[in-house]
């Protein structure tokens, strides 16, 4: 039980230290997230395409 209380207190302390990001910082994080998701999606698409091509020829 003491471990749970310590964890909750640690979470509360972390949230008190966290600051809210401004608009420019938020937009930067948004752009980076969209770019990352696009890269991961493109890699997945290429892998799926190559796999389907091998299935057609083999």
N, C-alpha and C. Protein backbone atom coordinates (compact mmCIF):
# COMPACT_ATOMS: atom_id res chain seq x y z
N UNK A 1 0.82 -1.20 0.00
CA UNK A 1 0.00 0.00 0.00
C UNK A 1 0.87 1.26 0.00
N UNK A 2 1.99 1.20 0.69
CA UNK A 2 2.88 2.37 0.75
C UNK A 2 3.48 2.66 -0.62
N UNK A 3 3.69 1.61 -1.41
CA UNK A 3 4.24 1.79 -2.75
C UNK A 3 3.28 2.54 -3.66
N UNK A 4 2.00 2.25 -3.51
CA UNK A 4 0.99 2.93 -4.33
C UNK A 4 0.90 4.40 -3.96
N UNK A 5 0.94 4.69 -2.67
CA UNK A 5 0.87 6.08 -2.20
C UNK A 5 2.10 6.86 -2.68
N UNK A 6 3.26 6.22 -2.62
CA UNK A 6 4.48 6.87 -3.10
C UNK A 6 4.40 7.15 -4.60
N UNK A 7 3.84 6.20 -5.34
CA UNK A 7 3.70 6.38 -6.79
C UNK A 7 2.75 7.53 -7.10
N UNK A 8 1.62 7.59 -6.40
CA UNK A 8 0.65 8.66 -6.63
C UNK A 8 1.27 10.01 -6.28
N UNK A 9 1.99 10.08 -5.16
CA UNK A 9 2.66 11.32 -4.78
C UNK A 9 3.70 11.73 -5.82
N UNK A 10 4.42 10.76 -6.36
CA UNK A 10 5.40 11.05 -7.40
C UNK A 10 4.72 11.59 -8.66
N UNK A 11 3.58 11.00 -9.03
CA UNK A 11 2.84 11.48 -10.20
C UNK A 11 2.34 12.90 -9.98
N UNK A 12 1.84 13.19 -8.81
CA UNK A 12 1.34 14.54 -8.51
C UNK A 12 2.48 15.54 -8.56
N UNK A 13 3.63 15.17 -8.01
CA UNK A 13 4.79 16.06 -8.03
C UNK A 13 5.24 16.34 -9.47
N UNK A 14 5.25 15.31 -10.30
CA UNK A 14 5.64 15.48 -11.71
C UNK A 14 4.67 16.39 -12.44
N UNK A 15 3.38 16.23 -12.20
CA UNK A 15 2.39 17.07 -12.86
C UNK A 15 2.49 18.52 -12.41
N UNK A 16 2.86 18.75 -11.16
CA UNK A 16 3.03 20.12 -10.68
C UNK A 16 4.23 20.79 -11.34
N UNK A 17 5.27 20.01 -11.65
CA UNK A 17 6.46 20.58 -12.28
C UNK A 17 6.29 20.81 -13.78
N UNK A 18 5.37 20.07 -14.39
CA UNK A 18 5.18 20.17 -15.84
C UNK A 18 4.59 21.53 -16.19
N UNK A 19 5.05 22.08 -17.32
CA UNK A 19 4.53 23.36 -17.77
C UNK A 19 3.73 23.16 -19.05
N UNK A 20 2.79 24.04 -19.25
CA UNK A 20 1.97 23.97 -20.45
C UNK A 20 2.75 24.60 -21.60
N UNK A 21 2.77 23.91 -22.74
CA UNK A 21 3.53 24.42 -23.87
C UNK A 21 2.76 25.54 -24.58
N UNK A 22 3.49 26.45 -25.20
CA UNK A 22 2.83 27.53 -25.92
C UNK A 22 2.48 27.06 -27.33
N UNK A 23 1.88 27.93 -28.10
CA UNK A 23 1.36 27.55 -29.41
C UNK A 23 2.44 27.09 -30.37
N UNK A 24 3.57 27.80 -30.41
CA UNK A 24 4.64 27.43 -31.35
C UNK A 24 5.25 26.08 -30.99
N UNK A 25 5.41 25.83 -29.69
CA UNK A 25 5.96 24.54 -29.27
C UNK A 25 4.98 23.41 -29.58
N UNK A 26 3.69 23.65 -29.37
CA UNK A 26 2.68 22.66 -29.69
C UNK A 26 2.67 22.34 -31.18
N UNK A 27 2.75 23.38 -32.02
CA UNK A 27 2.76 23.15 -33.46
C UNK A 27 4.00 22.39 -33.91
N UNK A 28 5.13 22.66 -33.26
CA UNK A 28 6.35 21.92 -33.58
C UNK A 28 6.18 20.44 -33.26
N UNK A 29 5.65 20.14 -32.07
CA UNK A 29 5.42 18.74 -31.69
C UNK A 29 4.41 18.08 -32.62
N UNK A 30 3.40 18.84 -33.03
CA UNK A 30 2.40 18.30 -33.94
C UNK A 30 3.02 17.95 -35.28
N UNK A 31 3.85 18.86 -35.82
CA UNK A 31 4.52 18.59 -37.10
C UNK A 31 5.42 17.37 -37.01
N UNK A 32 6.20 17.28 -35.92
CA UNK A 32 7.10 16.14 -35.76
C UNK A 32 6.33 14.83 -35.65
N UNK A 33 5.19 14.86 -34.96
CA UNK A 33 4.38 13.66 -34.82
C UNK A 33 3.80 13.24 -36.16
N UNK A 34 3.31 14.20 -36.93
CA UNK A 34 2.74 13.88 -38.24
C UNK A 34 3.81 13.34 -39.18
N UNK A 35 5.00 13.95 -39.15
CA UNK A 35 6.10 13.46 -39.99
C UNK A 35 6.48 12.04 -39.58
N UNK A 36 6.59 11.78 -38.28
CA UNK A 36 6.93 10.44 -37.81
C UNK A 36 5.90 9.40 -38.20
N UNK A 37 4.62 9.74 -38.06
CA UNK A 37 3.57 8.80 -38.44
C UNK A 37 3.57 8.55 -39.95
N UNK A 38 3.88 9.58 -40.73
CA UNK A 38 3.94 9.41 -42.18
C UNK A 38 5.09 8.50 -42.58
N UNK A 39 6.23 8.66 -41.92
CA UNK A 39 7.38 7.81 -42.22
C UNK A 39 7.07 6.36 -41.88
N UNK A 40 6.51 6.13 -40.71
CA UNK A 40 6.18 4.77 -40.30
C UNK A 40 5.13 4.17 -41.23
N UNK A 41 4.14 4.95 -41.62
CA UNK A 41 3.12 4.47 -42.55
C UNK A 41 3.69 4.16 -43.92
N UNK A 42 4.62 4.99 -44.39
CA UNK A 42 5.25 4.74 -45.69
C UNK A 42 6.07 3.47 -45.67
N UNK A 43 6.81 3.25 -44.59
CA UNK A 43 7.60 2.03 -44.47
C UNK A 43 6.68 0.81 -44.46
N UNK A 44 5.58 0.89 -43.73
CA UNK A 44 4.62 -0.20 -43.70
C UNK A 44 4.00 -0.46 -45.06
N UNK A 45 3.71 0.61 -45.79
CA UNK A 45 3.14 0.46 -47.13
C UNK A 45 4.12 -0.23 -48.07
N UNK A 46 5.39 0.18 -48.02
CA UNK A 46 6.41 -0.42 -48.89
C UNK A 46 6.58 -1.90 -48.55
N UNK A 47 6.60 -2.23 -47.27
CA UNK A 47 6.72 -3.64 -46.87
C UNK A 47 5.53 -4.44 -47.37
N UNK A 48 4.34 -3.88 -47.25
CA UNK A 48 3.14 -4.57 -47.72
C UNK A 48 3.18 -4.74 -49.24
N UNK A 49 3.64 -3.71 -49.95
CA UNK A 49 3.73 -3.78 -51.40
C UNK A 49 4.73 -4.84 -51.85
N UNK A 50 5.89 -4.86 -51.23
CA UNK A 50 6.91 -5.86 -51.58
C UNK A 50 6.39 -7.26 -51.27
N UNK A 51 5.73 -7.42 -50.14
CA UNK A 51 5.18 -8.72 -49.79
C UNK A 51 4.11 -9.20 -50.77
N UNK A 52 3.29 -8.28 -51.24
CA UNK A 52 2.25 -8.69 -52.21
C UNK A 52 2.86 -9.00 -53.57
N UNK A 53 3.94 -8.31 -53.93
CA UNK A 53 4.62 -8.62 -55.20
C UNK A 53 5.25 -10.00 -55.16
N UNK A 54 5.85 -10.35 -54.02
CA UNK A 54 6.44 -11.69 -53.90
C UNK A 54 5.37 -12.75 -53.91
N UNK A 55 4.21 -12.47 -53.37
CA UNK A 55 3.12 -13.42 -53.36
C UNK A 55 2.59 -13.67 -54.77
N UNK A 56 2.60 -12.64 -55.62
CA UNK A 56 2.13 -12.79 -57.00
C UNK A 56 3.10 -13.58 -57.85
N UNK A 57 4.41 -13.39 -57.62
CA UNK A 57 5.39 -14.06 -58.47
C UNK A 57 5.79 -15.43 -57.93
N UNK A 58 5.60 -15.67 -56.65
CA UNK A 58 6.08 -16.93 -56.06
C UNK A 58 5.02 -17.80 -55.70
